[in-house]
Protein backbone atom coordinates (compact mmCIF):
# COMPACT_ATOMS: atom_id res chain seq x y z
CA MET A 1 11.73 9.73 11.10
CA LYS A 2 13.20 6.34 10.24
CA ASN A 3 15.57 5.53 7.43
CA ILE A 4 15.13 2.46 5.27
CA THR A 5 17.32 0.88 2.63
CA LEU A 6 15.89 -0.32 -0.65
CA SER A 7 17.50 -2.25 -3.47
CA ALA A 8 16.86 -1.75 -7.19
CA GLU A 9 18.77 -1.78 -10.45
CA ASP A 10 20.95 1.28 -11.05
CA GLU A 11 19.16 2.16 -14.27
CA LEU A 12 15.75 2.04 -12.57
CA ILE A 13 16.95 4.31 -9.77
CA GLU A 14 18.35 6.82 -12.28
CA GLN A 15 15.09 6.81 -14.25
CA ALA A 16 13.13 7.36 -11.02
CA ARG A 17 15.42 10.27 -10.11
CA LEU A 18 14.82 11.86 -13.52
CA VAL A 19 11.05 11.52 -13.12
CA ALA A 20 11.19 12.97 -9.60
CA ARG A 21 13.39 15.83 -10.79
CA SER A 22 10.94 16.60 -13.62
CA GLN A 23 8.22 16.88 -10.95
CA ARG A 24 10.48 19.15 -8.87
CA LYS A 25 10.74 16.51 -6.15
CA THR A 26 13.46 14.43 -4.63
CA LEU A 27 13.32 10.69 -5.05
CA ASN A 28 12.91 10.49 -1.28
CA GLY A 29 9.94 12.88 -1.39
CA ALA A 30 8.33 10.94 -4.23
CA PHE A 31 8.74 7.72 -2.27
CA ARG A 32 7.12 9.27 0.81
CA GLU A 33 4.13 10.30 -1.32
CA TRP A 34 3.90 6.78 -2.70
CA LEU A 35 3.96 5.34 0.84
CA LEU A 36 1.09 7.63 1.87
CA GLN A 37 -0.99 6.58 -1.13
CA TYR A 38 -0.14 2.92 -0.65
CA THR A 39 -1.20 2.88 2.99
CA ALA A 40 -4.32 4.99 2.30
CA ARG A 41 -5.58 2.36 -0.17
CA SER A 42 -5.20 -0.30 2.49
CA ARG A 43 -7.00 1.76 5.11
CA GLY A 44 -9.78 2.57 2.64
CA GLY A 45 -10.71 -1.08 2.33
CA GLN A 46 -10.62 -1.53 6.08
CA ASP A 47 -12.86 1.51 6.55
CA LEU A 48 -15.41 0.11 4.12
CA ASP A 49 -15.36 -3.27 5.86
CA SER A 50 -15.95 -1.54 9.18
CA VAL A 51 -18.94 0.40 7.84
CA MET A 52 -20.43 -2.71 6.27
CA ARG A 53 -20.13 -4.58 9.57
CA ARG A 54 -21.79 -1.74 11.47
CA PHE A 55 -24.74 -1.66 9.10
CA GLY A 56 -24.87 -5.39 8.45
CA HIS A 57 -28.05 -5.74 10.50
CA LEU A 58 -29.95 -3.45 8.12
CA ARG A 59 -31.94 -5.13 5.40
CA ALA A 60 -33.33 -3.52 2.30
CA GLY A 61 -37.08 -3.05 2.37
CA ARG A 62 -39.42 -3.20 -0.55
CA ARG A 63 -38.41 -2.22 -4.05
CA PHE A 64 -39.39 1.26 -5.17
CA ASP A 65 -41.15 1.68 -8.48
CA ARG A 66 -39.86 4.09 -11.09
CA ASP A 67 -42.13 6.97 -10.07
CA GLU A 68 -41.14 6.67 -6.40
CA MET A 69 -37.43 6.64 -7.26
CA ASN A 70 -37.79 9.80 -9.38
CA GLU A 71 -39.99 11.62 -6.87
CA ARG A 72 -38.47 14.81 -5.55
């Protein structure tokens, strides 16, 4: 595991520590969770782009009428 150094105002860091403590987490643990969520959002967009490229050759056919769409 790598260490990184971040800079922020003292008051902001103390507020973040209080929030983390109220969630029974360390500030470090909360930051790790944020990193996971942050990178997952980025990957999500890439995954969608990949799927769209794979199915880009498909074209929609005719339009279905209301009865066909509600058929079970």
